[in-house]
Amino acid sequence: MSTTTVTPLTIQDAEALVTAARRAAEAADVKVSVTVLDAGGHLLAFRRDDRAVLISGETSTRKAYTALQLGTPTADLVEAVQPGGLFHTLPTALDRPLLFIAGGVPVHRDGRLIGAIGVGGGAPEQDHGFATAAVQTLA
């Protein structure tokens, strides 16, 4: 049995993710909040742009948490929580800050989940794009 050590998400990684997401948002002229969590769900980095809607701080954190807990982008889960969907009762079944709106993306290294990023403040599709663009810069 071999054990492979995967480098966890570092504060430098987290800051790079925030910077990349904010650059993508700036290019689209969107004010956002960005949250980065480590694999344990602990906050590594957070940034809210001046003039970003206040609730974007909360939504970015919940999106990151949801992507981390379920190991998939929140954009891929939106349909699953609709009536008749596989996870329809999940948002109310748990006392957890889950949010099924696009903008949360898990972060993997060497095939292992090491954290997540959440972006809030733009339209859900925009937030997803900003988060995805940020994750792609870590590769």
Protein backbone atom coordinates (compact mmCIF):
# COMPACT_ATOMS: atom_id res chain seq x y z
CA MET A 1 0.00 0.00 0.00
CA SER A 2 1.48 3.32 -1.03
CA THR A 3 0.64 6.63 0.48
CA THR A 4 0.88 9.77 -1.59
CA THR A 5 1.28 13.04 0.22
CA VAL A 6 -0.58 15.94 -1.33
CA THR A 7 0.47 19.46 -0.47
CA PRO A 8 -2.45 21.20 1.25
CA LEU A 9 -3.83 24.52 0.11
CA THR A 10 -1.45 27.19 1.41
CA ILE A 11 -2.07 30.80 2.31
CA GLN A 12 -0.06 31.71 -0.80
CA ASP A 13 -2.39 29.54 -2.90
CA ALA A 14 -5.41 31.16 -1.25
CA GLU A 15 -4.14 34.68 -1.90
CA ALA A 16 -3.38 33.75 -5.52
CA LEU A 17 -6.93 32.42 -5.91
CA VAL A 18 -8.42 35.63 -4.49
CA THR A 19 -6.25 37.77 -6.76
CA ALA A 20 -7.13 35.74 -9.87
CA ALA A 21 -10.87 35.79 -9.13
CA ARG A 22 -10.81 39.53 -8.48
CA ARG A 23 -8.90 40.17 -11.71
CA ALA A 24 -11.48 38.20 -13.67
CA ALA A 25 -14.27 40.16 -11.98
CA GLU A 26 -12.55 43.49 -12.58
CA ALA A 27 -12.22 42.64 -16.28
CA ALA A 28 -16.01 42.20 -16.34
CA ASP A 29 -16.51 45.37 -14.23
CA VAL A 30 -18.17 43.35 -11.43
CA LYS A 31 -17.61 43.99 -7.71
CA VAL A 32 -17.31 40.71 -5.80
CA SER A 33 -16.46 38.99 -2.56
CA VAL A 34 -14.13 35.99 -2.68
CA THR A 35 -13.74 33.30 0.00
CA VAL A 36 -11.15 30.52 0.06
CA LEU A 37 -11.49 27.58 2.47
CA ASP A 38 -9.01 24.81 3.19
CA ALA A 39 -9.95 21.11 3.10
CA GLY A 40 -11.23 21.30 6.68
CA GLY A 41 -13.57 24.18 5.85
CA HIS A 42 -11.43 26.78 7.63
CA LEU A 43 -11.12 30.27 6.21
CA LEU A 44 -7.79 30.89 4.48
CA ALA A 45 -8.59 34.11 2.63
CA PHE A 46 -11.45 36.54 2.16
CA ARG A 47 -11.78 39.79 0.26
CA ARG A 48 -14.79 42.00 -0.46
CA ASP A 49 -14.39 44.70 -3.07
CA ASP A 50 -15.42 48.21 -2.24
CA ARG A 51 -19.02 48.64 -3.37
CA ALA A 52 -19.68 44.89 -3.59
CA VAL A 53 -23.14 44.15 -2.24
CA LEU A 54 -22.86 43.33 1.45
CA ILE A 55 -24.55 39.94 1.19
CA SER A 56 -21.87 38.82 -1.28
CA GLY A 57 -19.54 38.14 1.64
CA GLU A 58 -21.97 35.63 3.08
CA THR A 59 -22.87 34.10 -0.28
CA SER A 60 -19.23 33.65 -1.31
CA THR A 61 -18.50 31.81 1.94
CA ARG A 62 -21.56 29.57 1.69
CA LYS A 63 -20.81 28.76 -1.95
CA ALA A 64 -17.25 27.76 -1.06
CA TYR A 65 -18.50 25.64 1.86
CA THR A 66 -21.08 23.88 -0.32
CA ALA A 67 -18.55 23.14 -3.07
CA LEU A 68 -16.16 21.77 -0.46
CA GLN A 69 -18.69 19.58 1.35
CA LEU A 70 -20.14 18.08 -1.82
CA GLY A 71 -16.90 18.08 -3.82
CA THR A 72 -18.46 19.61 -6.89
CA PRO A 73 -19.09 23.09 -8.32
CA THR A 74 -22.27 24.63 -6.98
CA ALA A 75 -23.29 25.38 -10.58
CA ASP A 76 -23.64 21.61 -11.06
CA LEU A 77 -25.95 21.29 -8.04
CA VAL A 78 -28.61 23.90 -8.80
CA GLU A 79 -30.94 21.45 -10.56
CA ALA A 80 -30.43 18.76 -7.89
CA VAL A 81 -32.15 20.87 -5.21
CA GLN A 82 -35.19 21.74 -7.30
CA PRO A 83 -38.47 19.94 -6.51
CA GLY A 84 -38.08 16.34 -7.60
CA GLY A 85 -34.26 16.62 -7.65
CA LEU A 86 -31.89 14.20 -5.97
CA PHE A 87 -30.97 16.68 -3.22
CA HIS A 88 -34.32 18.49 -2.98
CA THR A 89 -34.49 18.26 0.82
CA LEU A 90 -30.77 18.74 1.48
CA PRO A 91 -30.86 22.54 1.96
CA THR A 92 -33.35 22.18 4.82
CA ALA A 93 -32.26 18.78 6.17
CA LEU A 94 -28.94 20.00 7.55
CA ASP A 95 -28.12 22.82 9.91
CA ARG A 96 -25.25 23.88 7.67
CA PRO A 97 -24.62 27.00 5.59
CA LEU A 98 -25.14 25.35 2.20
CA LEU A 99 -26.00 27.52 -0.79
CA PHE A 100 -26.95 26.04 -4.15
CA ILE A 101 -26.17 29.00 -6.39
CA ALA A 102 -23.36 28.98 -8.97
CA GLY A 103 -20.07 30.47 -7.79
CA GLY A 104 -18.52 27.79 -5.57
CA VAL A 105 -15.77 25.57 -7.00
CA PRO A 106 -13.73 22.85 -5.27
CA VAL A 107 -9.94 23.03 -5.50
CA HIS A 108 -8.03 19.81 -6.23
CA ARG A 109 -4.34 19.00 -6.27
CA ASP A 110 -3.09 15.71 -7.67
CA GLY A 111 -6.68 14.48 -7.77
CA ARG A 112 -7.34 15.22 -4.09
CA LEU A 113 -9.74 17.82 -2.69
CA ILE A 114 -7.69 20.47 -0.86
CA GLY A 115 -10.18 23.32 -0.50
CA ALA A 116 -12.72 25.47 -2.28
CA ILE A 117 -13.30 28.99 -3.55
CA GLY A 118 -16.56 30.89 -3.53
CA VAL A 119 -17.36 34.10 -5.41
CA GLY A 120 -20.42 36.27 -4.84
CA GLY A 121 -21.56 39.62 -6.14
CA GLY A 122 -22.16 39.05 -9.83
CA ALA A 123 -24.77 37.01 -11.64
CA PRO A 124 -24.39 33.32 -10.70
CA GLU A 125 -22.90 32.44 -14.10
CA GLN A 126 -20.37 35.27 -13.74
CA ASP A 127 -19.40 34.18 -10.22
CA HIS A 128 -18.90 30.61 -11.47
CA GLY A 129 -16.69 31.88 -14.29
CA PHE A 130 -14.57 34.00 -11.93
CA ALA A 131 -14.11 31.10 -9.51
CA THR A 132 -13.29 28.64 -12.30
CA ALA A 133 -10.78 31.05 -13.84
CA ALA A 134 -9.07 31.40 -10.46
CA VAL A 135 -8.82 27.63 -9.91
CA GLN A 136 -7.31 27.19 -13.38
CA THR A 137 -4.44 29.51 -12.42
CA LEU A 138 -3.28 27.12 -9.67
CA ALA A 139 -2.48 24.29 -12.08
